[in-house]
Amino acid sequence: MKMTGTRGHFEKGEWVEEKISDETEKPGKKPIETRIEEVSAEVSGTMGKVVSLAKDLFTTEEGRKHIQRKIDGAAGQLDSALKDFISESEKALKSRKHEEEKEKKSIKVE
């Protein structure tokens, strides 16, 4: 039994149903088993490439240099972020201290 749906439109005030074609009836559409096999082969090939690249990254001089450049870049970004955080924290503390001093001066003891 085929599972098909309907769609339609209004024509002269009445709903007229139109058949929705089954996906497998489309010309040029490959059977699902063929598509699964093709995608599985592509995924397998891609995984092989990933494993090969990982091996090259860790076992070759070029790969290790690439990793080191990425580590150095990340360390530089982290260092910059920490310096910015410290600078902003110091500004906030100075501002808060200044506000507290203003409050102390404005309090009158009777």
C-alpha atoms as a PDB file:
ATOM      1  CA  MET A   1       0.000   0.000   0.000  1.00  0.00           C
ATOM      2  CA  LYS A   2       1.446   3.359  -1.035  1.00  0.00           C
ATOM      3  CA  MET A   3       1.271   6.257   1.367  1.00  0.00           C
ATOM      4  CA  THR A   4       0.292   9.340  -0.592  1.00  0.00           C
ATOM      5  CA  GLY A   5      -1.218  12.593   0.515  1.00  0.00           C
ATOM      6  CA  THR A   6      -3.348  15.147  -1.157  1.00  0.00           C
ATOM      7  CA  ARG A   7      -3.164  18.823  -1.560  1.00  0.00           C
ATOM      8  CA  GLY A   8      -5.579  21.083  -3.244  1.00  0.00           C
ATOM      9  CA  HIS A   9      -7.010  24.443  -4.014  1.00  0.00           C
ATOM     10  CA  PHE A  10     -10.337  26.194  -4.088  1.00  0.00           C
ATOM     11  CA  GLU A  11     -12.044  26.293  -7.419  1.00  0.00           C
ATOM     12  CA  LYS A  12     -15.350  28.124  -7.709  1.00  0.00           C
ATOM     13  CA  GLY A  13     -15.846  27.899  -3.944  1.00  0.00           C
ATOM     14  CA  GLU A  14     -15.151  24.153  -3.697  1.00  0.00           C
ATOM     15  CA  TRP A  15     -12.017  22.382  -2.486  1.00  0.00           C
ATOM     16  CA  VAL A  16     -10.449  20.381  -5.300  1.00  0.00           C
ATOM     17  CA  GLU A  17      -7.861  17.807  -4.207  1.00  0.00           C
ATOM     18  CA  GLU A  18      -4.656  17.250  -6.162  1.00  0.00           C
ATOM     19  CA  LYS A  19      -2.530  14.142  -5.839  1.00  0.00           C
ATOM     20  CA  ILE A  20       0.896  14.536  -4.211  1.00  0.00           C
ATOM     21  CA  SER A  21       3.338  12.331  -6.046  1.00  0.00           C
ATOM     22  CA  ASP A  22       5.269   9.713  -4.111  1.00  0.00           C
ATOM     23  CA  GLU A  23       8.934  10.709  -3.603  1.00  0.00           C
ATOM     24  CA  THR A  24      10.169   7.499  -5.262  1.00  0.00           C
ATOM     25  CA  GLU A  25       8.181   8.297  -8.385  1.00  0.00           C
ATOM     26  CA  LYS A  26      10.300  11.360  -9.155  1.00  0.00           C
ATOM     27  CA  PRO A  27      12.449  10.844 -12.238  1.00  0.00           C
ATOM     28  CA  GLY A  28      16.157  10.430 -11.477  1.00  0.00           C
ATOM     29  CA  LYS A  29      15.572   9.654  -7.789  1.00  0.00           C
ATOM     30  CA  LYS A  30      17.731   6.723  -6.685  1.00  0.00           C
ATOM     31  CA  PRO A  31      16.319   3.937  -4.519  1.00  0.00           C
ATOM     32  CA  ILE A  32      16.908   4.444  -0.796  1.00  0.00           C
ATOM     33  CA  GLU A  33      19.207   1.413  -0.472  1.00  0.00           C
ATOM     34  CA  THR A  34      21.476   2.786  -3.197  1.00  0.00           C
ATOM     35  CA  ARG A  35      21.561   6.176  -1.509  1.00  0.00           C
ATOM     36  CA  ILE A  36      22.373   4.591   1.869  1.00  0.00           C
ATOM     37  CA  GLU A  37      25.257   2.631   0.330  1.00  0.00           C
ATOM     38  CA  GLU A  38      26.639   5.746  -1.382  1.00  0.00           C
ATOM     39  CA  VAL A  39      26.468   7.881   1.752  1.00  0.00           C
ATOM     40  CA  SER A  40      27.986   5.090   3.856  1.00  0.00           C
ATOM     41  CA  ALA A  41      30.905   4.880   1.435  1.00  0.00           C
ATOM     42  CA  GLU A  42      31.368   8.666   1.559  1.00  0.00           C
ATOM     43  CA  VAL A  43      31.293   8.702   5.365  1.00  0.00           C
ATOM     44  CA  SER A  44      33.766   5.840   5.518  1.00  0.00           C
ATOM     45  CA  GLY A  45      36.095   7.647   3.105  1.00  0.00           C
ATOM     46  CA  THR A  46      35.822  10.873   5.081  1.00  0.00           C
ATOM     47  CA  MET A  47      36.577   9.074   8.344  1.00  0.00           C
ATOM     48  CA  GLY A  48      39.675   7.572   6.725  1.00  0.00           C
ATOM     49  CA  LYS A  49      40.813  11.058   5.715  1.00  0.00           C
ATOM     50  CA  VAL A  50      40.234  12.379   9.249  1.00  0.00           C
ATOM     51  CA  VAL A  51      42.256   9.553  10.799  1.00  0.00           C
ATOM     52  CA  SER A  52      45.068  10.107   8.275  1.00  0.00           C
ATOM     53  CA  LEU A  53      45.125  13.849   8.985  1.00  0.00           C
ATOM     54  CA  ALA A  54      45.163  13.274  12.748  1.00  0.00           C
ATOM     55  CA  LYS A  55      48.069  10.893  12.341  1.00  0.00           C
ATOM     56  CA  ASP A  56      49.967  13.444  10.224  1.00  0.00           C
ATOM     57  CA  LEU A  57      49.278  16.241  12.708  1.00  0.00           C
ATOM     58  CA  PHE A  58      50.893  14.307  15.538  1.00  0.00           C
ATOM     59  CA  THR A  59      53.622  12.386  13.752  1.00  0.00           C
ATOM     60  CA  THR A  60      55.086  14.879  11.282  1.00  0.00           C
ATOM     61  CA  GLU A  61      57.168  17.982  11.855  1.00  0.00           C
ATOM     62  CA  GLU A  62      54.755  20.054   9.753  1.00  0.00           C
ATOM     63  CA  GLY A  63      51.793  18.799  11.783  1.00  0.00           C
ATOM     64  CA  ARG A  64      53.450  19.527  15.115  1.00  0.00           C
ATOM     65  CA  LYS A  65      54.385  23.047  13.929  1.00  0.00           C
ATOM     66  CA  HIS A  66      50.790  23.638  12.896  1.00  0.00           C
ATOM     67  CA  ILE A  67      49.532  22.526  16.311  1.00  0.00           C
ATOM     68  CA  GLN A  68      52.115  24.742  18.032  1.00  0.00           C
ATOM     69  CA  ARG A  69      51.025  27.778  15.972  1.00  0.00           C
ATOM     70  CA  LYS A  70      47.405  27.160  16.999  1.00  0.00           C
ATOM     71  CA  ILE A  71      48.393  26.766  20.654  1.00  0.00           C
ATOM     72  CA  ASP A  72      50.465  29.969  20.528  1.00  0.00           C
ATOM     73  CA  GLY A  73      47.562  31.855  18.938  1.00  0.00           C
ATOM     74  CA  ALA A  74      45.120  30.594  21.548  1.00  0.00           C
ATOM     75  CA  ALA A  75      47.558  31.441  24.350  1.00  0.00           C
ATOM     76  CA  GLY A  76      47.940  34.964  22.959  1.00  0.00           C
ATOM     77  CA  GLN A  77      44.172  35.430  22.826  1.00  0.00           C
ATOM     78  CA  LEU A  78      43.798  34.112  26.368  1.00  0.00           C
ATOM     79  CA  ASP A  79      46.563  36.408  27.610  1.00  0.00           C
ATOM     80  CA  SER A  80      44.919  39.395  25.934  1.00  0.00           C
ATOM     81  CA  ALA A  81      41.505  38.507  27.382  1.00  0.00           C
ATOM     82  CA  LEU A  82      42.985  38.159  30.884  1.00  0.00           C
ATOM     83  CA  LYS A  83      44.756  41.513  30.604  1.00  0.00           C
ATOM     84  CA  ASP A  84      41.507  43.148  29.461  1.00  0.00           C
ATOM     85  CA  PHE A  85      39.633  41.537  32.351  1.00  0.00           C
ATOM     86  CA  ILE A  86      42.205  42.696  34.896  1.00  0.00           C
ATOM     87  CA  SER A  87      42.222  46.219  33.460  1.00  0.00           C
ATOM     88  CA  GLU A  88      38.411  46.466  33.520  1.00  0.00           C
ATOM     89  CA  SER A  89      38.300  45.008  37.040  1.00  0.00           C
ATOM     90  CA  GLU A  90      40.807  47.571  38.283  1.00  0.00           C
ATOM     91  CA  LYS A  91      38.767  50.390  36.716  1.00  0.00           C
ATOM     92  CA  ALA A  92      35.591  49.088  38.330  1.00  0.00           C
ATOM     93  CA  LEU A  93      37.269  48.806  41.739  1.00  0.00           C
ATOM     94  CA  LYS A  94      38.681  52.339  41.503  1.00  0.00           C
ATOM     95  CA  SER A  95      35.284  53.674  40.473  1.00  0.00           C
ATOM     96  CA  ARG A  96      33.571  51.874  43.348  1.00  0.00           C
ATOM     97  CA  LYS A  97      36.178  53.082  45.824  1.00  0.00           C
ATOM     98  CA  HIS A  98      35.705  56.643  44.540  1.00  0.00           C
ATOM     99  CA  GLU A  99      31.917  56.358  44.961  1.00  0.00           C
ATOM    100  CA  GLU A 100      32.333  55.028  48.519  1.00  0.00           C
ATOM    101  CA  GLU A 101      34.612  57.938  49.402  1.00  0.00           C
ATOM    102  CA  LYS A 102      32.013  60.385  48.055  1.00  0.00           C
ATOM    103  CA  GLU A 103      29.347  58.757  50.209  1.00  0.00           C
ATOM    104  CA  LYS A 104      31.523  58.974  53.317  1.00  0.00           C
ATOM    105  CA  LYS A 105      32.117  62.699  52.722  1.00  0.00           C
ATOM    106  CA  SER A 106      28.420  63.380  52.266  1.00  0.00           C
ATOM    107  CA  ILE A 107      27.381  61.690  55.531  1.00  0.00           C
ATOM    108  CA  LYS A 108      27.014  64.277  58.285  1.00  0.00           C
ATOM    109  CA  VAL A 109      27.143  63.299  61.907  1.00  0.00           C
ATOM    110  CA  GLU A 110      25.015  65.380  64.245  1.00  0.00           C
END
